[in-house]
N, C-alpha and C. Protein backbone atom coordinates (compact mmCIF):
# COMPACT_ATOMS: atom_id res chain seq x y z
N MET A 1 0.84 -1.19 0.00
CA MET A 1 0.00 0.00 0.00
C MET A 1 0.88 1.24 0.00
N LYS A 2 0.59 2.15 -0.92
CA LYS A 2 1.32 3.41 -0.97
C LYS A 2 0.34 4.53 -1.27
N PRO A 3 0.15 5.44 -0.32
CA PRO A 3 -0.79 6.54 -0.56
C PRO A 3 -0.22 7.56 -1.54
N ILE A 4 -1.08 8.42 -2.06
CA ILE A 4 -0.60 9.52 -2.88
C ILE A 4 -0.12 10.64 -1.96
N SER A 5 0.61 11.59 -2.52
CA SER A 5 1.13 12.71 -1.74
C SER A 5 0.03 13.75 -1.48
N HIS A 6 0.30 14.64 -0.54
CA HIS A 6 -0.67 15.71 -0.26
C HIS A 6 -0.88 16.59 -1.48
N HIS A 7 0.20 16.84 -2.24
CA HIS A 7 0.06 17.69 -3.42
C HIS A 7 -0.75 16.97 -4.50
N GLN A 8 -0.56 15.68 -4.66
CA GLN A 8 -1.39 14.94 -5.61
C GLN A 8 -2.85 14.95 -5.19
N LEU A 9 -3.10 14.83 -3.89
CA LEU A 9 -4.47 14.84 -3.40
C LEU A 9 -5.10 16.21 -3.63
N ALA A 10 -4.34 17.27 -3.40
CA ALA A 10 -4.86 18.62 -3.64
C ALA A 10 -5.23 18.80 -5.11
N ALA A 11 -4.37 18.30 -6.01
CA ALA A 11 -4.66 18.41 -7.44
C ALA A 11 -5.88 17.58 -7.82
N ARG A 12 -6.06 16.43 -7.17
CA ARG A 12 -7.23 15.58 -7.45
C ARG A 12 -8.51 16.29 -7.03
N ILE A 13 -8.51 16.93 -5.87
CA ILE A 13 -9.70 17.65 -5.41
C ILE A 13 -9.98 18.85 -6.31
N ALA A 14 -8.94 19.56 -6.70
CA ALA A 14 -9.11 20.74 -7.55
C ALA A 14 -9.86 20.39 -8.83
N ARG A 15 -9.65 19.19 -9.31
CA ARG A 15 -10.30 18.74 -10.55
C ARG A 15 -11.82 18.67 -10.41
N ASP A 16 -12.31 18.50 -9.19
CA ASP A 16 -13.75 18.35 -8.97
C ASP A 16 -14.45 19.67 -8.63
N ILE A 17 -13.72 20.77 -8.60
CA ILE A 17 -14.33 22.06 -8.28
C ILE A 17 -14.79 22.72 -9.57
N PRO A 18 -16.08 22.98 -9.71
CA PRO A 18 -16.60 23.44 -11.00
C PRO A 18 -16.40 24.93 -11.24
N GLU A 19 -16.50 25.30 -12.47
CA GLU A 19 -16.45 26.70 -12.90
C GLU A 19 -17.50 27.51 -12.15
N GLY A 20 -17.10 28.68 -11.68
CA GLY A 20 -18.03 29.60 -11.05
C GLY A 20 -18.30 29.35 -9.58
N ALA A 21 -17.63 28.35 -8.99
CA ALA A 21 -17.90 28.00 -7.59
C ALA A 21 -17.25 28.99 -6.63
N TYR A 22 -17.94 29.25 -5.53
CA TYR A 22 -17.40 30.01 -4.41
C TYR A 22 -16.96 28.99 -3.36
N VAL A 23 -15.67 29.01 -3.02
CA VAL A 23 -15.06 27.90 -2.28
C VAL A 23 -14.24 28.41 -1.10
N ASN A 24 -14.41 27.80 0.06
CA ASN A 24 -13.54 28.05 1.20
C ASN A 24 -12.62 26.86 1.38
N LEU A 25 -11.33 27.13 1.48
CA LEU A 25 -10.34 26.09 1.73
C LEU A 25 -9.89 26.22 3.18
N GLY A 26 -10.18 25.20 3.98
CA GLY A 26 -9.90 25.25 5.41
C GLY A 26 -8.42 25.29 5.72
N ILE A 27 -8.11 25.60 6.96
CA ILE A 27 -6.72 25.69 7.43
C ILE A 27 -6.05 24.33 7.31
N GLY A 28 -4.77 24.34 6.96
CA GLY A 28 -4.01 23.09 6.86
C GLY A 28 -3.93 22.59 5.43
N LEU A 29 -4.08 21.29 5.26
CA LEU A 29 -3.92 20.66 3.94
C LEU A 29 -4.77 21.31 2.85
N PRO A 30 -6.04 21.65 3.10
CA PRO A 30 -6.87 22.17 2.00
C PRO A 30 -6.31 23.41 1.32
N THR A 31 -5.47 24.19 1.99
CA THR A 31 -4.94 25.39 1.34
C THR A 31 -4.08 25.06 0.12
N LEU A 32 -3.56 23.82 0.06
CA LEU A 32 -2.75 23.42 -1.10
C LEU A 32 -3.56 23.42 -2.39
N ILE A 33 -4.87 23.27 -2.28
CA ILE A 33 -5.72 23.16 -3.47
C ILE A 33 -5.64 24.41 -4.33
N ALA A 34 -5.41 25.56 -3.71
CA ALA A 34 -5.35 26.83 -4.46
C ALA A 34 -4.29 26.80 -5.54
N ASN A 35 -3.23 26.03 -5.33
CA ASN A 35 -2.13 25.98 -6.29
C ASN A 35 -2.41 25.08 -7.49
N TYR A 36 -3.53 24.35 -7.46
CA TYR A 36 -3.82 23.38 -8.52
C TYR A 36 -5.14 23.62 -9.23
N LEU A 37 -5.77 24.75 -8.97
CA LEU A 37 -7.00 25.06 -9.69
C LEU A 37 -6.66 25.36 -11.15
N PRO A 38 -7.44 24.84 -12.08
CA PRO A 38 -7.12 25.02 -13.50
C PRO A 38 -7.10 26.48 -13.91
N GLN A 39 -6.09 26.87 -14.66
CA GLN A 39 -6.04 28.22 -15.19
C GLN A 39 -7.16 28.43 -16.20
N GLY A 40 -7.73 29.61 -16.18
CA GLY A 40 -8.81 29.92 -17.10
C GLY A 40 -10.19 29.63 -16.56
N LYS A 41 -10.26 28.93 -15.41
CA LYS A 41 -11.53 28.68 -14.75
C LYS A 41 -11.78 29.77 -13.73
N ASP A 42 -12.99 30.34 -13.72
CA ASP A 42 -13.35 31.32 -12.71
C ASP A 42 -13.83 30.59 -11.47
N ILE A 43 -12.96 30.48 -10.46
CA ILE A 43 -13.30 29.88 -9.17
C ILE A 43 -12.92 30.89 -8.10
N PHE A 44 -13.84 31.19 -7.20
CA PHE A 44 -13.68 32.29 -6.26
C PHE A 44 -13.36 31.73 -4.88
N LEU A 45 -12.11 31.92 -4.44
CA LEU A 45 -11.68 31.40 -3.15
C LEU A 45 -11.96 32.40 -2.03
N HIS A 46 -12.56 31.90 -0.98
CA HIS A 46 -12.98 32.72 0.17
C HIS A 46 -12.16 32.32 1.39
N SER A 47 -11.80 33.31 2.21
CA SER A 47 -11.15 33.05 3.48
C SER A 47 -11.93 33.73 4.59
N GLU A 48 -12.11 33.03 5.73
CA GLU A 48 -13.01 33.52 6.77
C GLU A 48 -12.53 34.81 7.43
N ASN A 49 -11.25 35.16 7.26
CA ASN A 49 -10.78 36.41 7.85
C ASN A 49 -11.10 37.62 6.98
N GLY A 50 -11.82 37.42 5.85
CA GLY A 50 -12.32 38.54 5.07
C GLY A 50 -11.67 38.75 3.72
N LEU A 51 -11.53 37.66 2.96
CA LEU A 51 -10.97 37.75 1.61
C LEU A 51 -11.85 36.96 0.64
N LEU A 52 -11.97 37.47 -0.57
CA LEU A 52 -12.65 36.76 -1.64
C LEU A 52 -11.90 37.03 -2.93
N GLY A 53 -11.55 35.96 -3.64
CA GLY A 53 -10.83 36.11 -4.89
C GLY A 53 -9.34 35.86 -4.75
N MET A 54 -8.97 34.91 -3.89
CA MET A 54 -7.55 34.59 -3.70
C MET A 54 -7.03 33.75 -4.87
N GLY A 55 -5.72 33.86 -5.08
CA GLY A 55 -5.06 33.07 -6.09
C GLY A 55 -4.12 32.06 -5.46
N PRO A 56 -3.15 31.56 -6.22
CA PRO A 56 -2.19 30.59 -5.68
C PRO A 56 -1.24 31.25 -4.69
N SER A 57 -0.45 30.45 -4.01
CA SER A 57 0.52 30.96 -3.05
C SER A 57 1.52 31.87 -3.77
N PRO A 58 1.96 32.94 -3.11
CA PRO A 58 2.92 33.86 -3.75
C PRO A 58 4.33 33.27 -3.77
N THR A 59 5.13 33.73 -4.71
CA THR A 59 6.55 33.41 -4.69
C THR A 59 7.20 34.20 -3.55
N GLU A 60 8.40 33.80 -3.16
CA GLU A 60 9.05 34.43 -2.01
C GLU A 60 9.23 35.93 -2.19
N ASP A 61 9.47 36.37 -3.41
CA ASP A 61 9.69 37.79 -3.64
C ASP A 61 8.40 38.58 -3.83
N ALA A 62 7.27 37.90 -3.73
CA ALA A 62 5.98 38.58 -3.92
C ALA A 62 5.10 38.50 -2.69
N VAL A 63 5.65 38.14 -1.54
CA VAL A 63 4.87 38.02 -0.31
C VAL A 63 4.49 39.40 0.20
N ASP A 64 3.20 39.59 0.47
CA ASP A 64 2.69 40.80 1.10
C ASP A 64 2.31 40.42 2.53
N PRO A 65 3.04 40.91 3.54
CA PRO A 65 2.76 40.49 4.93
C PRO A 65 1.38 40.90 5.42
N GLU A 66 0.72 41.79 4.72
CA GLU A 66 -0.62 42.22 5.13
C GLU A 66 -1.72 41.44 4.40
N LEU A 67 -1.31 40.49 3.56
CA LEU A 67 -2.29 39.71 2.80
C LEU A 67 -2.13 38.25 3.18
N ILE A 68 -2.97 37.77 4.12
CA ILE A 68 -2.85 36.40 4.62
C ILE A 68 -4.23 35.76 4.67
N ASN A 69 -4.24 34.42 4.70
CA ASN A 69 -5.49 33.70 4.85
C ASN A 69 -5.77 33.42 6.32
N ALA A 70 -6.80 32.64 6.61
CA ALA A 70 -7.20 32.39 7.99
C ALA A 70 -6.16 31.59 8.76
N GLY A 71 -5.28 30.88 8.05
CA GLY A 71 -4.21 30.14 8.69
C GLY A 71 -2.92 30.93 8.81
N LYS A 72 -3.01 32.24 8.54
CA LYS A 72 -1.87 33.16 8.64
C LYS A 72 -0.80 32.87 7.59
N GLN A 73 -1.17 32.23 6.50
CA GLN A 73 -0.25 31.98 5.40
C GLN A 73 -0.37 33.11 4.37
N PRO A 74 0.73 33.55 3.78
CA PRO A 74 0.64 34.57 2.74
C PRO A 74 -0.10 34.06 1.51
N VAL A 75 -0.92 34.91 0.93
CA VAL A 75 -1.70 34.54 -0.24
C VAL A 75 -1.59 35.65 -1.29
N THR A 76 -2.12 35.37 -2.46
CA THR A 76 -2.24 36.39 -3.50
C THR A 76 -3.71 36.73 -3.68
N LEU A 77 -3.96 37.88 -4.25
CA LEU A 77 -5.33 38.31 -4.54
C LEU A 77 -5.43 38.57 -6.04
N LEU A 78 -6.36 37.89 -6.69
CA LEU A 78 -6.52 38.01 -8.13
C LEU A 78 -7.22 39.33 -8.47
N PRO A 79 -7.11 39.80 -9.74
CA PRO A 79 -7.83 41.01 -10.14
C PRO A 79 -9.33 40.88 -9.83
N GLY A 80 -9.88 41.89 -9.19
CA GLY A 80 -11.28 41.84 -8.79
C GLY A 80 -11.50 41.28 -7.40
N GLY A 81 -10.43 40.78 -6.76
CA GLY A 81 -10.55 40.25 -5.40
C GLY A 81 -10.88 41.36 -4.41
N ALA A 82 -11.39 40.97 -3.24
CA ALA A 82 -11.86 41.95 -2.28
C ALA A 82 -11.48 41.57 -0.85
N CYS A 83 -11.28 42.61 -0.02
CA CYS A 83 -11.09 42.45 1.42
C CYS A 83 -12.26 43.11 2.12
N PHE A 84 -12.73 42.50 3.22
CA PHE A 84 -13.91 43.04 3.89
C PHE A 84 -13.92 42.61 5.35
N HIS A 85 -14.91 43.09 6.09
CA HIS A 85 -14.98 42.87 7.53
C HIS A 85 -15.19 41.39 7.86
N HIS A 86 -14.57 40.99 8.96
CA HIS A 86 -14.70 39.61 9.44
C HIS A 86 -16.16 39.20 9.59
N GLY A 87 -16.98 40.12 10.10
CA GLY A 87 -18.41 39.82 10.29
C GLY A 87 -19.12 39.54 8.98
N ASP A 88 -18.76 40.30 7.94
CA ASP A 88 -19.35 40.06 6.62
C ASP A 88 -18.93 38.69 6.08
N SER A 89 -17.69 38.32 6.38
CA SER A 89 -17.20 37.02 5.92
C SER A 89 -18.00 35.89 6.56
N PHE A 90 -18.27 36.01 7.87
CA PHE A 90 -19.05 34.97 8.54
C PHE A 90 -20.50 34.98 8.08
N ALA A 91 -21.02 36.14 7.68
CA ALA A 91 -22.37 36.18 7.13
C ALA A 91 -22.43 35.39 5.82
N MET A 92 -21.38 35.46 5.03
CA MET A 92 -21.31 34.65 3.80
C MET A 92 -21.33 33.17 4.14
N MET A 93 -20.54 32.79 5.16
CA MET A 93 -20.44 31.38 5.54
C MET A 93 -21.76 30.87 6.10
N ARG A 94 -22.36 31.62 7.00
CA ARG A 94 -23.58 31.17 7.67
C ARG A 94 -24.82 31.32 6.79
N GLY A 95 -24.73 32.17 5.78
CA GLY A 95 -25.91 32.45 4.96
C GLY A 95 -26.07 31.54 3.77
N GLY A 96 -25.22 30.53 3.63
CA GLY A 96 -25.35 29.59 2.52
C GLY A 96 -24.84 30.11 1.20
N HIS A 97 -23.88 31.04 1.25
CA HIS A 97 -23.37 31.64 0.02
C HIS A 97 -22.15 30.95 -0.55
N LEU A 98 -21.63 29.95 0.16
CA LEU A 98 -20.47 29.21 -0.34
C LEU A 98 -20.94 27.89 -0.95
N ASP A 99 -20.44 27.61 -2.14
CA ASP A 99 -20.83 26.37 -2.82
C ASP A 99 -20.13 25.15 -2.23
N ILE A 100 -18.85 25.30 -1.92
CA ILE A 100 -18.04 24.17 -1.45
C ILE A 100 -17.11 24.65 -0.35
N CYS A 101 -16.94 23.83 0.66
CA CYS A 101 -15.89 24.04 1.65
C CYS A 101 -15.09 22.74 1.74
N VAL A 102 -13.77 22.87 1.81
CA VAL A 102 -12.90 21.71 1.98
C VAL A 102 -12.21 21.84 3.33
N LEU A 103 -12.45 20.88 4.22
CA LEU A 103 -11.93 20.94 5.58
C LEU A 103 -11.00 19.76 5.86
N GLY A 104 -10.06 19.96 6.76
CA GLY A 104 -9.27 18.87 7.27
C GLY A 104 -10.05 18.13 8.35
N ALA A 105 -9.50 17.03 8.85
CA ALA A 105 -10.25 16.23 9.83
C ALA A 105 -9.33 15.45 10.75
N TYR A 106 -9.75 15.33 12.00
CA TYR A 106 -9.19 14.33 12.91
C TYR A 106 -9.93 13.01 12.75
N GLN A 107 -11.26 13.11 12.59
CA GLN A 107 -12.09 11.92 12.38
C GLN A 107 -13.29 12.30 11.52
N VAL A 108 -13.74 11.34 10.71
CA VAL A 108 -15.00 11.45 9.98
C VAL A 108 -15.76 10.14 10.18
N SER A 109 -17.03 10.24 10.53
CA SER A 109 -17.81 9.02 10.76
C SER A 109 -18.45 8.55 9.47
N ALA A 110 -18.93 7.31 9.50
CA ALA A 110 -19.57 6.71 8.33
C ALA A 110 -20.83 7.45 7.92
N ARG A 111 -21.42 8.20 8.83
CA ARG A 111 -22.64 8.96 8.51
C ARG A 111 -22.34 10.42 8.17
N GLY A 112 -21.04 10.78 8.11
CA GLY A 112 -20.68 12.13 7.71
C GLY A 112 -20.51 13.12 8.84
N ASP A 113 -20.42 12.63 10.08
CA ASP A 113 -20.09 13.53 11.20
C ASP A 113 -18.62 13.91 11.10
N LEU A 114 -18.30 15.12 11.54
CA LEU A 114 -16.93 15.63 11.44
C LEU A 114 -16.40 16.05 12.81
N ALA A 115 -15.17 15.65 13.09
CA ALA A 115 -14.42 16.14 14.26
C ALA A 115 -13.10 16.68 13.75
N ASN A 116 -12.92 18.01 13.85
CA ASN A 116 -11.67 18.57 13.31
C ASN A 116 -11.12 19.75 14.10
N TRP A 117 -11.66 20.01 15.28
CA TRP A 117 -11.17 21.19 16.00
C TRP A 117 -10.43 20.87 17.29
N SER A 118 -10.57 19.65 17.81
CA SER A 118 -9.90 19.29 19.05
C SER A 118 -9.79 17.77 19.16
N THR A 119 -8.69 17.32 19.74
CA THR A 119 -8.56 15.89 20.02
C THR A 119 -9.14 15.53 21.37
N GLY A 120 -9.60 16.53 22.11
CA GLY A 120 -10.19 16.27 23.42
C GLY A 120 -9.18 16.22 24.56
N ASN A 121 -7.90 16.29 24.24
CA ASN A 121 -6.89 16.28 25.30
C ASN A 121 -7.00 17.54 26.15
N HIS A 122 -6.81 17.41 27.45
CA HIS A 122 -7.01 18.54 28.35
C HIS A 122 -6.02 19.66 28.11
N ASP A 123 -4.85 19.34 27.54
CA ASP A 123 -3.84 20.36 27.30
C ASP A 123 -3.79 20.82 25.84
N SER A 124 -4.76 20.38 25.01
CA SER A 124 -4.77 20.80 23.61
C SER A 124 -5.31 22.22 23.49
N ILE A 125 -4.85 22.91 22.47
CA ILE A 125 -5.28 24.29 22.25
C ILE A 125 -6.58 24.28 21.44
N PRO A 126 -7.67 24.85 21.96
CA PRO A 126 -8.92 24.89 21.19
C PRO A 126 -8.71 25.64 19.88
N ALA A 127 -9.26 25.11 18.81
CA ALA A 127 -9.06 25.73 17.49
C ALA A 127 -10.35 25.65 16.69
N VAL A 128 -11.44 26.13 17.29
CA VAL A 128 -12.73 26.05 16.61
C VAL A 128 -12.72 26.88 15.33
N GLY A 129 -12.23 28.13 15.42
CA GLY A 129 -12.23 28.99 14.25
C GLY A 129 -13.61 29.09 13.63
N GLY A 130 -13.68 29.01 12.32
CA GLY A 130 -14.98 29.06 11.64
C GLY A 130 -15.44 27.71 11.14
N ALA A 131 -14.80 26.63 11.62
CA ALA A 131 -15.10 25.30 11.08
C ALA A 131 -16.56 24.93 11.26
N MET A 132 -17.13 25.24 12.43
CA MET A 132 -18.53 24.87 12.67
C MET A 132 -19.46 25.64 11.74
N ASP A 133 -19.15 26.92 11.51
CA ASP A 133 -19.97 27.72 10.60
C ASP A 133 -19.87 27.19 9.17
N LEU A 134 -18.66 26.83 8.76
CA LEU A 134 -18.47 26.29 7.40
C LEU A 134 -19.14 24.94 7.24
N ALA A 135 -19.05 24.09 8.26
CA ALA A 135 -19.59 22.74 8.17
C ALA A 135 -21.09 22.73 7.93
N ILE A 136 -21.78 23.71 8.49
CA ILE A 136 -23.24 23.74 8.32
C ILE A 136 -23.70 24.78 7.30
N GLY A 137 -22.80 25.69 6.90
CA GLY A 137 -23.20 26.79 6.03
C GLY A 137 -22.93 26.55 4.56
N ALA A 138 -21.88 25.79 4.23
CA ALA A 138 -21.56 25.55 2.82
C ALA A 138 -22.55 24.56 2.21
N LYS A 139 -22.81 24.71 0.93
CA LYS A 139 -23.76 23.82 0.26
C LYS A 139 -23.22 22.39 0.17
N LYS A 140 -21.90 22.26 -0.04
CA LYS A 140 -21.25 20.94 -0.03
C LYS A 140 -19.99 21.05 0.82
N VAL A 141 -19.74 20.02 1.62
CA VAL A 141 -18.56 20.01 2.48
C VAL A 141 -17.73 18.76 2.17
N PHE A 142 -16.50 18.99 1.76
CA PHE A 142 -15.56 17.90 1.47
C PHE A 142 -14.52 17.84 2.59
N VAL A 143 -13.99 16.66 2.81
CA VAL A 143 -12.88 16.47 3.73
C VAL A 143 -11.64 16.07 2.94
N MET A 144 -10.51 16.67 3.29
CA MET A 144 -9.21 16.30 2.73
C MET A 144 -8.35 15.83 3.90
N THR A 145 -7.90 14.58 3.86
CA THR A 145 -7.20 14.04 5.02
C THR A 145 -6.32 12.85 4.66
N ASP A 146 -5.34 12.59 5.50
CA ASP A 146 -4.67 11.30 5.46
C ASP A 146 -5.67 10.25 5.93
N HIS A 147 -5.62 9.07 5.34
CA HIS A 147 -6.56 8.02 5.73
C HIS A 147 -6.24 7.48 7.12
N LEU A 148 -4.93 7.41 7.43
CA LEU A 148 -4.48 6.84 8.69
C LEU A 148 -3.69 7.88 9.49
N THR A 149 -3.75 7.77 10.80
CA THR A 149 -2.95 8.61 11.67
C THR A 149 -1.50 8.11 11.68
N ARG A 150 -0.65 8.84 12.38
CA ARG A 150 0.75 8.40 12.49
C ARG A 150 0.86 7.06 13.22
N ASN A 151 -0.16 6.75 14.02
CA ASN A 151 -0.19 5.47 14.74
C ASN A 151 -0.93 4.38 13.96
N GLU A 152 -1.16 4.65 12.66
CA GLU A 152 -1.80 3.67 11.77
C GLU A 152 -3.26 3.39 12.16
N GLN A 153 -3.91 4.37 12.78
CA GLN A 153 -5.33 4.25 13.10
C GLN A 153 -6.14 4.98 12.04
N SER A 154 -7.27 4.41 11.65
CA SER A 154 -8.10 5.03 10.62
C SER A 154 -8.76 6.30 11.15
N LYS A 155 -8.74 7.33 10.30
CA LYS A 155 -9.50 8.54 10.62
C LYS A 155 -10.96 8.41 10.20
N ILE A 156 -11.24 7.38 9.41
CA ILE A 156 -12.62 7.08 9.00
C ILE A 156 -13.15 6.07 9.99
N VAL A 157 -14.16 6.45 10.77
CA VAL A 157 -14.60 5.64 11.91
C VAL A 157 -16.11 5.46 11.89
N GLU A 158 -16.57 4.50 12.68
CA GLU A 158 -18.02 4.29 12.80
C GLU A 158 -18.67 5.45 13.53
N HIS A 159 -18.06 5.86 14.64
CA HIS A 159 -18.55 7.00 15.42
C HIS A 159 -17.35 7.83 15.88
N CYS A 160 -17.46 9.14 15.76
CA CYS A 160 -16.37 10.02 16.20
C CYS A 160 -16.24 9.97 17.72
N THR A 161 -15.01 9.90 18.19
CA THR A 161 -14.75 9.93 19.63
C THR A 161 -14.16 11.27 20.06
N PHE A 162 -13.75 12.10 19.11
CA PHE A 162 -13.27 13.44 19.42
C PHE A 162 -14.45 14.41 19.44
N PRO A 163 -14.28 15.60 20.04
CA PRO A 163 -15.36 16.59 20.05
C PRO A 163 -15.83 16.92 18.64
N LEU A 164 -17.14 16.95 18.45
CA LEU A 164 -17.71 17.12 17.11
C LEU A 164 -17.68 18.56 16.64
N THR A 165 -17.47 18.71 15.34
CA THR A 165 -17.60 19.99 14.66
C THR A 165 -19.00 20.13 14.06
N GLY A 166 -19.50 19.05 13.46
CA GLY A 166 -20.82 19.07 12.85
C GLY A 166 -21.35 17.66 12.68
N LEU A 167 -22.67 17.54 12.67
CA LEU A 167 -23.34 16.25 12.52
C LEU A 167 -23.82 16.07 11.08
N GLY A 168 -23.47 14.95 10.47
CA GLY A 168 -23.97 14.63 9.13
C GLY A 168 -23.71 15.70 8.10
N CYS A 169 -22.59 16.40 8.22
CA CYS A 169 -22.34 17.56 7.38
C CYS A 169 -21.44 17.27 6.18
N ILE A 170 -20.79 16.11 6.14
CA ILE A 170 -19.81 15.82 5.09
C ILE A 170 -20.47 15.12 3.91
N ASN A 171 -20.16 15.61 2.71
CA ASN A 171 -20.68 15.00 1.48
C ASN A 171 -19.70 14.03 0.84
N ARG A 172 -18.41 14.35 0.93
CA ARG A 172 -17.41 13.51 0.27
C ARG A 172 -16.10 13.55 1.06
N ILE A 173 -15.42 12.42 1.10
CA ILE A 173 -14.13 12.31 1.77
C ILE A 173 -13.07 12.02 0.72
N TYR A 174 -12.04 12.87 0.69
CA TYR A 174 -10.86 12.63 -0.14
C TYR A 174 -9.71 12.28 0.80
N SER A 175 -9.35 11.02 0.85
CA SER A 175 -8.18 10.63 1.64
C SER A 175 -7.04 10.31 0.69
N ASP A 176 -5.85 10.08 1.25
CA ASP A 176 -4.72 9.76 0.40
C ASP A 176 -4.75 8.32 -0.11
N LEU A 177 -5.84 7.60 0.22
CA LEU A 177 -6.03 6.23 -0.28
C LEU A 177 -7.26 6.08 -1.17
N ALA A 178 -8.25 6.96 -1.01
CA ALA A 178 -9.51 6.76 -1.74
C ALA A 178 -10.37 8.01 -1.74
N VAL A 179 -11.32 8.03 -2.68
CA VAL A 179 -12.39 9.02 -2.70
C VAL A 179 -13.67 8.30 -2.30
N MET A 180 -14.38 8.84 -1.31
CA MET A 180 -15.58 8.19 -0.78
C MET A 180 -16.72 9.18 -0.67
N ASP A 181 -17.86 8.81 -1.19
CA ASP A 181 -19.07 9.62 -1.02
C ASP A 181 -19.82 9.15 0.22
N VAL A 182 -20.35 10.12 0.97
CA VAL A 182 -21.18 9.80 2.13
C VAL A 182 -22.63 9.77 1.66
N THR A 183 -23.27 8.60 1.79
CA THR A 183 -24.65 8.42 1.33
C THR A 183 -25.52 7.94 2.49
N PRO A 184 -26.84 7.99 2.33
CA PRO A 184 -27.72 7.47 3.39
C PRO A 184 -27.48 6.00 3.71
N ASP A 185 -26.88 5.27 2.76
CA ASP A 185 -26.60 3.85 2.97
C ASP A 185 -25.17 3.58 3.41
N GLY A 186 -24.41 4.64 3.72
CA GLY A 186 -23.04 4.47 4.16
C GLY A 186 -22.04 5.02 3.17
N LEU A 187 -20.77 4.65 3.33
CA LEU A 187 -19.69 5.16 2.49
C LEU A 187 -19.58 4.37 1.20
N VAL A 188 -19.52 5.11 0.10
CA VAL A 188 -19.36 4.49 -1.23
C VAL A 188 -18.02 4.93 -1.80
N VAL A 189 -17.13 3.98 -2.02
CA VAL A 189 -15.81 4.27 -2.56
C VAL A 189 -15.92 4.38 -4.08
N THR A 190 -15.59 5.57 -4.61
CA THR A 190 -15.68 5.77 -6.06
C THR A 190 -14.32 5.70 -6.74
N GLU A 191 -13.24 5.90 -5.98
CA GLU A 191 -11.90 5.80 -6.56
C GLU A 191 -10.92 5.27 -5.52
N LEU A 192 -10.00 4.45 -5.97
CA LEU A 192 -8.85 4.05 -5.17
C LEU A 192 -7.66 4.87 -5.63
N LEU A 193 -6.92 5.45 -4.71
CA LEU A 193 -5.81 6.33 -5.04
C LEU A 193 -4.49 5.70 -4.60
N GLY A 194 -3.44 6.01 -5.33
CA GLY A 194 -2.14 5.43 -5.00
C GLY A 194 -2.14 3.93 -5.28
N GLU A 195 -1.24 3.23 -4.61
CA GLU A 195 -1.15 1.77 -4.76
C GLU A 195 -2.01 1.13 -3.68
N THR A 196 -3.32 1.18 -3.91
CA THR A 196 -4.30 0.73 -2.91
C THR A 196 -5.25 -0.26 -3.56
N SER A 197 -5.56 -1.33 -2.85
CA SER A 197 -6.54 -2.30 -3.33
C SER A 197 -7.81 -2.20 -2.48
N ALA A 198 -8.89 -2.71 -3.01
CA ALA A 198 -10.15 -2.71 -2.27
C ALA A 198 -10.02 -3.54 -0.99
N ASP A 199 -9.33 -4.66 -1.08
CA ASP A 199 -9.16 -5.51 0.10
C ASP A 199 -8.35 -4.79 1.18
N TRP A 200 -7.29 -4.09 0.78
CA TRP A 200 -6.49 -3.37 1.77
C TRP A 200 -7.30 -2.24 2.40
N LEU A 201 -8.07 -1.52 1.58
CA LEU A 201 -8.86 -0.41 2.12
C LEU A 201 -9.86 -0.93 3.15
N ARG A 202 -10.49 -2.07 2.84
CA ARG A 202 -11.41 -2.67 3.82
C ARG A 202 -10.68 -3.04 5.11
N GLU A 203 -9.46 -3.53 4.97
CA GLU A 203 -8.70 -3.99 6.13
C GLU A 203 -8.35 -2.85 7.08
N VAL A 204 -8.04 -1.67 6.53
CA VAL A 204 -7.60 -0.56 7.37
C VAL A 204 -8.72 0.40 7.75
N THR A 205 -9.94 0.16 7.22
CA THR A 205 -11.06 1.06 7.49
C THR A 205 -12.13 0.31 8.27
N PRO A 206 -12.38 0.69 9.54
CA PRO A 206 -13.26 -0.10 10.40
C PRO A 206 -14.75 0.23 10.23
N VAL A 207 -15.18 0.49 9.00
CA VAL A 207 -16.59 0.72 8.72
C VAL A 207 -16.94 0.00 7.43
N PRO A 208 -18.21 -0.38 7.23
CA PRO A 208 -18.59 -1.03 5.96
C PRO A 208 -18.37 -0.09 4.78
N LEU A 209 -17.84 -0.64 3.70
CA LEU A 209 -17.60 0.13 2.49
C LEU A 209 -18.29 -0.53 1.31
N THR A 210 -18.94 0.29 0.48
CA THR A 210 -19.49 -0.17 -0.78
C THR A 210 -18.61 0.39 -1.89
N PHE A 211 -18.35 -0.41 -2.92
CA PHE A 211 -17.46 0.03 -3.99
C PHE A 211 -18.25 0.24 -5.28
N ALA A 212 -18.10 1.44 -5.84
CA ALA A 212 -18.65 1.76 -7.16
C ALA A 212 -17.54 2.49 -7.90
N LEU A 213 -16.49 1.74 -8.24
CA LEU A 213 -15.26 2.34 -8.71
C LEU A 213 -15.38 2.92 -10.11
N GLN A 214 -14.85 4.13 -10.24
CA GLN A 214 -14.73 4.79 -11.52
C GLN A 214 -13.25 4.84 -11.88
N GLN A 215 -12.97 5.16 -13.12
CA GLN A 215 -11.58 5.21 -13.54
C GLN A 215 -10.84 6.30 -12.78
N SER A 216 -9.71 5.94 -12.21
CA SER A 216 -8.92 6.91 -11.43
C SER A 216 -7.96 7.63 -12.34
N GLY A 217 -7.72 8.90 -11.99
CA GLY A 217 -6.75 9.68 -12.75
C GLY A 217 -6.01 10.61 -11.83
N VAL A 218 -5.06 10.10 -11.07
CA VAL A 218 -4.33 10.93 -10.12
C VAL A 218 -3.38 11.84 -10.89
N PRO A 219 -3.48 13.15 -10.69
CA PRO A 219 -2.60 14.07 -11.42
C PRO A 219 -1.15 13.89 -11.01
N HIS A 220 -0.25 14.08 -11.97
CA HIS A 220 1.19 14.05 -11.67
C HIS A 220 1.61 15.47 -11.31
N VAL A 221 2.11 15.65 -10.09
CA VAL A 221 2.54 16.98 -9.64
C VAL A 221 3.94 16.88 -9.06
């Protein structure tokens, strides 16, 4: 078993974002997606700290220290992009104005529950941010994550044991091993990624999986 890289996964997700979509890329891995959106497609990237119309990451000589995303990473702003009040940004998130949000995860349940803001440890730093608003406010919510933790435990679980961000809010899971849709009948695997077999995926994922495999096309990055 060999998973794909984070950059390959970001490029794979970027392929599924349609023309004209308003998209929030959550803190962490999802920010990589901005670098792989197809040129010539009008896709409007939103950041909860008050930006709309972000582009790919800047080169070292083009960093503007006053232009950052919600994860405090330097970003670029495309022609026509806008900066606005934090409150207005949350109104966009809560008002259903975002087509897609891509979030990282500590755990995702088979029914689409999400845990991504705390591991529950007493000494962990709370990091709610806008994740709860995005999880319930975006029209579609995707997860981008490693399939397994560093301890080889599946992040795809029957029931989340970490503090919840949202209930039944996830539509699709993109892991470094597979693409899975969350349906009323459980998880449906539509693609195997990297050097992964259906039998291996079943072995490392402690929830029932249904397979409806489509042709995979992992981008070379």
